[in-house]
Structures are given as C-alpha cells and as structure tokens.
Amino acid sequence: MGVPKLVILPCHAIWKGGASLGQNREEWHLVNFQIEGYDHLAFRDHIERSLNYLNGDPETFLVISGGQTKIESGPVSESLSYYQLAEKLVLEDAKHRDKHHLLSRITTEEFSRDSFENVLFSICRYYEVHGSYPAEIVVIGFEFKRERFLKYHLEKALRFPTSRVAYIGNAPDPKDLAELERKAYFEDLEKSEYNFAVKFFKDDWYGVRNPLAKKKSGRNPFNRYHGYGISNPELAEFLNAIRDGGEVKENEYIQSLLKNLPWVG
C-alpha cells in the first residue's frame, strides 16, 4: 500500500446523539441559518459520502475536522460528534463489510475553527498519523464552498496543486420553500458565501486579520490551542507566522514559508 489519499470532512455542527442517527433536527446543535435548509441532513450526507469513499478505496484515510466550537455543547468537538455518528452508521449498515478496517482509517482533528484550518490542520493531523504528507486530497463538503476550498485555501494559501485534489459537494435542501423562495434562498446562499467568506479570504489568505480572526476567536470558547508546530516540524515556522495574537505578516511572506514542503513545486 502506498501513501493513502487524504479525505477531509469539514464539520459544521455538533451531533448530540439520538435514535434517528442524525436525521432528526433536534439531535443537532444548529444555528438559525442552518435550520431553513435542513442542513443537518446535508451534514449526515457528508458523513455517508465520506464512508462510501473509504469503502470504495482501501488506500484512503479520513480526517474529520472541527473543534470545540459551542459553549452550549460543552468541551465536545464537532469532529468527535461526527465520528460517533459515523461509527454508528458503519456498524449498522451491511454494505460496510470490513467495519473494523474502515473505522481504523478514520481519525479526528479537534482544533480547527474555520474552513482554512479544516484543510491545514487536517494535513497536519495526517502527518501525525502517517509521518508523511498526502500526495492527493479529497474534500467532501458543500458545493457552494468549492471555490473557497480549492482556489483560496489549497491553491493560493497552501500552494497545493489542485490537479491532485477532488471536491465532492452537495447542497442544502430548503424543502419547505416554494419554487421562487427556493431560488431566492440559493441566490442568497451564494451572496453570503462571497460576502462573509470568499471576499475576506481573497485578501487575507490565512485568516489572520479581522473579521476572520475575530470569527475564529468566537469559535473557541474553551481556549483550545493545537500543538501541530511540534508534531509537524517542517510546518513549524509557517504555523508560528499565523498563530493567534502574533504579529500580522503579509500573505506573500507567510506563503514563502511553505517553500520546502513536499507538495510545493
């Protein structure tokens, strides 16, 4: 077996547990904008797609990425809750034949607070497990976030060749809305993606300035901080340059600190 392909599953909420295995909205800690689109069903679908991908390709490794973002959930990470749901789905579904082998190819990444950290910290977590960096990456998430992940996080910020990246996306389903309301919903979704994420990552590749830095701080109510600079020595200088509270550096300087990484041509 060669170097496994990294599959990244970014989290968006915390599953509380329950008999419906994520199909009941009440089993999730959701914010208001996630309710109208039945986002919890999309989250469950992300998990199922990730498991199916692993089931179909034995040379893959899944990192579920999301930190302890919600004070009302206590010190439970998004990624741990997703893993607990994934484990139940694997154990209860007959199509997952070698259940132990499949689950052994899943780990959690419990410090990320935004989409850029989902990517970067998943790569760091992969290195902790395998002692090398992935040659190929698959991201499983919302289709409307495709550009953000591929163009701004992987290609621009991390210089990871997008020719070696696949993106598998789905969409929310605001099924209570009439046709015109659905159209308006998806138009607003695209505008919000640009106005509250893409617009800022275009100028602040690493999320070190406000409002991106402030948003990350608000998603860390338990003041957790990773140790990836220790476990990933080749990335230590880069991670130090984007640390919370550090001197804000220019995008190009931070990017230059990646020059010796194996995926940078």
Protein backbone atom coordinates (compact mmCIF):
# COMPACT_ATOMS: atom_id res chain seq x y z
CA MET A 1 0.00 0.00 0.00
CA GLY A 2 1.33 3.45 -0.93
CA VAL A 3 0.74 6.76 0.79
CA PRO A 4 -3.01 6.90 1.46
CA LYS A 5 -5.13 9.59 -0.15
CA LEU A 6 -6.31 12.15 2.42
CA VAL A 7 -10.08 12.61 2.62
CA ILE A 8 -11.06 15.77 4.52
CA LEU A 9 -14.51 16.08 6.07
CA PRO A 10 -15.04 19.62 7.42
CA CYS A 11 -17.62 19.78 10.20
CA HIS A 12 -20.38 22.37 10.56
CA ALA A 13 -22.23 21.45 13.75
CA ILE A 14 -22.30 19.10 16.74
CA TRP A 15 -24.39 15.94 16.79
CA LYS A 16 -25.88 15.33 20.25
CA GLY A 17 -26.71 11.67 19.62
CA GLY A 18 -30.09 10.04 19.13
CA ALA A 19 -32.02 7.14 17.68
CA SER A 20 -32.56 8.71 14.24
CA LEU A 21 -28.78 8.81 13.67
CA GLY A 22 -28.74 12.43 12.62
CA GLN A 23 -31.97 12.58 10.64
CA ASN A 24 -33.88 14.38 13.38
CA ARG A 25 -33.07 18.09 13.58
CA GLU A 26 -33.35 18.01 17.37
CA GLU A 27 -30.28 15.79 17.54
CA TRP A 28 -28.04 18.65 16.40
CA HIS A 29 -26.78 21.91 17.84
CA LEU A 30 -27.68 24.25 14.97
CA VAL A 31 -27.60 27.99 14.40
CA ASN A 32 -30.59 29.71 12.82
CA PHE A 33 -29.32 29.86 9.24
CA GLN A 34 -28.78 26.07 9.24
CA ILE A 35 -32.41 25.27 10.00
CA GLU A 36 -34.21 26.52 6.90
CA GLY A 37 -32.04 24.46 4.53
CA TYR A 38 -32.29 21.27 6.59
CA ASP A 39 -28.51 21.49 6.81
CA HIS A 40 -28.36 18.65 9.32
CA LEU A 41 -29.37 16.23 6.56
CA ALA A 42 -26.55 17.59 4.39
CA PHE A 43 -24.11 17.02 7.28
CA ARG A 44 -25.26 13.42 7.60
CA ASP A 45 -24.87 13.03 3.85
CA HIS A 46 -21.30 14.39 4.07
CA ILE A 47 -20.52 11.64 6.58
CA GLU A 48 -22.15 8.94 4.43
CA ARG A 49 -20.30 10.13 1.32
CA SER A 50 -17.02 10.03 3.24
CA LEU A 51 -17.68 6.49 4.43
CA ASN A 52 -18.68 5.36 0.95
CA TYR A 53 -15.48 6.85 -0.44
CA LEU A 54 -13.39 4.92 2.10
CA ASN A 55 -15.42 1.79 1.46
CA GLY A 56 -14.71 2.02 -2.26
CA ASP A 57 -10.99 2.76 -2.00
CA PRO A 58 -8.88 0.93 0.63
CA GLU A 59 -5.96 3.34 0.07
CA THR A 60 -7.69 6.32 1.65
CA PHE A 61 -7.62 7.89 5.10
CA LEU A 62 -10.33 10.16 6.50
CA VAL A 63 -9.72 13.12 8.79
CA ILE A 64 -12.90 14.58 10.30
CA SER A 65 -12.09 18.19 11.17
CA GLY A 66 -13.81 20.52 13.63
CA GLY A 67 -13.07 21.93 17.06
CA GLN A 68 -14.90 22.53 20.33
CA THR A 69 -16.86 25.45 18.93
CA LYS A 70 -20.04 25.70 21.03
CA ILE A 71 -20.21 26.59 24.71
CA GLU A 72 -23.67 25.02 24.98
CA SER A 73 -22.25 21.65 23.87
CA GLY A 74 -19.53 21.61 26.48
CA PRO A 75 -16.00 20.50 25.56
CA VAL A 76 -17.21 18.19 22.78
CA SER A 77 -15.67 18.78 19.38
CA GLU A 78 -17.62 18.84 16.16
CA SER A 79 -15.30 16.18 14.79
CA LEU A 80 -15.77 13.81 17.72
CA SER A 81 -19.55 14.05 17.37
CA TYR A 82 -19.30 13.37 13.62
CA TYR A 83 -17.06 10.37 14.33
CA GLN A 84 -19.55 8.98 16.82
CA LEU A 85 -22.29 9.25 14.21
CA ALA A 86 -20.04 7.77 11.51
CA GLU A 87 -19.20 4.83 13.75
CA LYS A 88 -22.88 4.06 14.34
CA LEU A 89 -23.62 4.32 10.60
CA VAL A 90 -20.80 1.90 9.80
CA LEU A 91 -21.82 -0.64 12.43
CA GLU A 92 -25.48 -0.60 11.37
CA ASP A 93 -25.02 -0.71 7.59
CA ALA A 94 -24.43 -4.11 5.99
CA LYS A 95 -22.74 -2.61 2.93
CA HIS A 96 -19.72 -1.73 5.07
CA ARG A 97 -18.24 -5.21 5.08
CA ASP A 98 -14.92 -4.87 6.90
CA LYS A 99 -16.14 -2.50 9.58
CA HIS A 100 -13.04 -2.60 11.78
CA HIS A 101 -10.70 -1.89 8.86
CA LEU A 102 -12.86 1.00 7.69
CA LEU A 103 -13.06 2.61 11.14
CA SER A 104 -9.30 2.19 11.59
CA ARG A 105 -8.84 4.57 8.63
CA ILE A 106 -10.67 7.45 10.33
CA THR A 107 -9.34 9.97 12.82
CA THR A 108 -10.45 13.33 14.19
CA GLU A 109 -8.85 16.76 14.05
CA GLU A 110 -10.20 18.73 17.01
CA PHE A 111 -8.76 22.24 16.81
CA SER A 112 -9.95 23.86 13.56
CA ARG A 113 -12.26 26.86 13.73
CA ASP A 114 -12.79 27.75 10.07
CA SER A 115 -12.51 26.27 6.61
CA PHE A 116 -8.85 27.16 6.10
CA GLU A 117 -7.94 25.47 9.36
CA ASN A 118 -10.05 22.47 8.31
CA VAL A 119 -7.67 21.99 5.40
CA LEU A 120 -4.38 22.95 7.02
CA PHE A 121 -4.94 21.13 10.31
CA SER A 122 -6.22 18.01 8.53
CA ILE A 123 -2.94 17.88 6.63
CA CYS A 124 -1.11 18.31 9.94
CA ARG A 125 -3.16 15.57 11.59
CA TYR A 126 -2.49 13.26 8.64
CA TYR A 127 1.25 13.81 9.18
CA GLU A 128 0.88 12.96 12.86
CA VAL A 129 -0.64 9.60 11.90
CA HIS A 130 1.43 8.69 8.83
CA GLY A 131 4.72 10.56 9.22
CA SER A 132 4.39 11.97 5.70
CA TYR A 133 2.18 14.37 3.80
CA PRO A 134 -0.55 13.29 1.37
CA ALA A 135 0.06 13.31 -2.36
CA GLU A 136 -3.68 13.56 -3.10
CA ILE A 137 -6.59 15.14 -1.26
CA VAL A 138 -10.38 14.76 -1.43
CA VAL A 139 -12.63 17.33 0.25
CA ILE A 140 -16.25 16.43 0.99
CA GLY A 141 -18.50 19.39 1.78
CA PHE A 142 -20.98 21.91 0.46
CA GLU A 143 -20.87 22.55 -3.29
CA PHE A 144 -21.21 26.32 -2.81
CA LYS A 145 -17.90 26.28 -0.91
CA ARG A 146 -15.95 24.58 -3.72
CA GLU A 147 -14.18 27.75 -4.90
CA ARG A 148 -13.24 28.74 -1.35
CA PHE A 149 -11.56 25.41 -0.65
CA LEU A 150 -9.90 24.79 -4.00
CA LYS A 151 -8.88 28.25 -5.17
CA TYR A 152 -8.22 30.11 -1.95
CA HIS A 153 -7.28 27.53 0.70
CA LEU A 154 -5.46 24.84 -1.27
CA GLU A 155 -4.14 26.57 -4.39
CA LYS A 156 -3.42 30.08 -3.12
CA ALA A 157 -2.80 29.76 0.62
CA LEU A 158 -1.11 26.33 0.72
CA ARG A 159 0.18 26.04 -2.87
CA PHE A 160 -1.21 22.51 -3.05
CA PRO A 161 -1.71 21.53 -6.73
CA THR A 162 -5.44 21.38 -7.38
CA SER A 163 -4.75 18.83 -10.13
CA ARG A 164 -4.28 16.45 -7.20
CA VAL A 165 -7.44 17.49 -5.38
CA ALA A 166 -11.02 16.27 -5.82
CA TYR A 167 -14.02 18.06 -4.37
CA ILE A 168 -17.29 16.23 -3.70
CA GLY A 169 -20.14 18.58 -2.90
CA ASN A 170 -23.80 18.57 -2.00
CA ALA A 171 -26.32 21.31 -1.25
CA PRO A 172 -28.82 22.17 1.47
CA ASP A 173 -32.44 21.33 0.72
CA PRO A 174 -34.89 24.02 1.89
CA LYS A 175 -37.79 21.70 1.13
CA ASP A 176 -40.43 23.77 2.94
CA LEU A 177 -39.98 26.65 0.49
CA ALA A 178 -41.95 27.26 -2.70
CA GLU A 179 -40.10 27.37 -6.03
CA LEU A 180 -39.47 31.13 -6.08
CA GLU A 181 -38.49 31.11 -2.42
CA ARG A 182 -36.01 28.30 -3.10
CA LYS A 183 -34.49 30.30 -5.95
CA ALA A 184 -34.08 33.30 -3.65
CA TYR A 185 -32.65 31.06 -0.93
CA PHE A 186 -29.85 29.73 -3.16
CA GLU A 187 -29.11 33.17 -4.59
CA ASP A 188 -28.74 34.49 -1.06
CA LEU A 189 -26.55 31.50 -0.17
CA GLU A 190 -24.13 32.32 -2.98
CA LYS A 191 -24.06 36.01 -2.00
CA SER A 192 -23.42 35.16 1.65
CA GLU A 193 -20.61 32.78 0.71
CA TYR A 194 -18.90 35.64 -1.13
CA ASN A 195 -19.69 38.46 1.30
CA PHE A 196 -18.82 36.64 4.52
CA ALA A 197 -16.04 34.28 3.42
CA VAL A 198 -14.57 34.47 -0.08
CA LYS A 199 -14.28 38.26 -0.10
CA PHE A 200 -12.13 38.17 3.03
CA PHE A 201 -10.03 35.12 2.15
CA LYS A 202 -9.19 36.77 -1.20
CA ASP A 203 -7.27 39.44 0.72
CA ASP A 204 -6.42 37.59 3.93
CA TRP A 205 -5.29 34.16 2.74
CA TYR A 206 -4.56 32.85 6.24
CA GLY A 207 -7.37 34.43 8.26
CA VAL A 208 -5.01 36.41 10.50
CA ARG A 209 -6.84 39.75 10.24
CA ASN A 210 -10.32 40.78 11.31
CA PRO A 211 -13.08 39.88 10.67
CA LEU A 212 -11.75 36.35 10.02
CA ALA A 213 -9.53 36.34 13.11
CA LYS A 214 -12.37 37.59 15.30
CA LYS A 215 -14.70 34.92 13.92
CA LYS A 216 -12.17 32.20 14.77
CA SER A 217 -11.80 33.55 18.30
CA GLY A 218 -15.56 33.35 18.77
CA ARG A 219 -15.46 29.68 17.76
CA ASN A 220 -13.00 28.79 20.52
CA PRO A 221 -14.95 29.23 23.79
CA PHE A 222 -12.71 26.76 25.66
CA ASN A 223 -9.46 28.45 24.57
CA ARG A 224 -8.00 25.33 22.97
CA TYR A 225 -4.75 25.56 21.02
CA HIS A 226 -3.10 22.94 18.83
CA GLY A 227 0.42 21.53 19.02
CA TYR A 228 0.92 20.98 15.30
CA GLY A 229 4.08 23.09 15.30
CA ILE A 230 5.69 20.39 17.45
CA SER A 231 4.35 17.36 15.58
CA ASN A 232 4.94 18.97 12.14
CA PRO A 233 8.45 20.48 12.36
CA GLU A 234 8.56 21.35 8.65
CA LEU A 235 5.46 23.50 9.15
CA ALA A 236 6.50 24.99 12.50
CA GLU A 237 7.67 28.36 11.14
CA PHE A 238 4.59 28.69 8.94
CA LEU A 239 2.25 27.84 11.83
CA ASN A 240 4.03 30.30 14.08
CA ALA A 241 3.54 33.04 11.48
CA ILE A 242 -0.24 32.59 11.56
CA ARG A 243 -0.67 31.98 15.28
CA ASP A 244 -3.31 33.85 17.25
CA GLY A 245 -2.07 37.14 18.66
CA GLY A 246 1.15 37.15 16.68
CA GLU A 247 2.50 39.94 14.52
CA VAL A 248 0.41 40.10 11.36
CA LYS A 249 2.60 39.25 8.38
CA GLU A 250 1.95 39.80 4.68
CA ASN A 251 0.38 36.99 2.67
CA GLU A 252 3.40 36.55 0.42
CA TYR A 253 5.83 36.27 3.34
CA ILE A 254 3.69 33.62 5.04
CA GLN A 255 3.34 31.71 1.78
CA SER A 256 7.12 31.75 1.28
CA LEU A 257 7.49 29.67 4.46
CA LEU A 258 5.97 26.72 2.59
CA LYS A 259 8.79 26.51 0.06
CA ASN A 260 10.33 23.30 1.44
CA LEU A 261 7.11 21.35 1.78
CA PRO A 262 6.93 18.27 -0.46
CA TRP A 263 3.76 19.31 -2.33
CA VAL A 264 5.17 22.73 -3.32
CA GLY A 265 6.63 22.64 -6.81
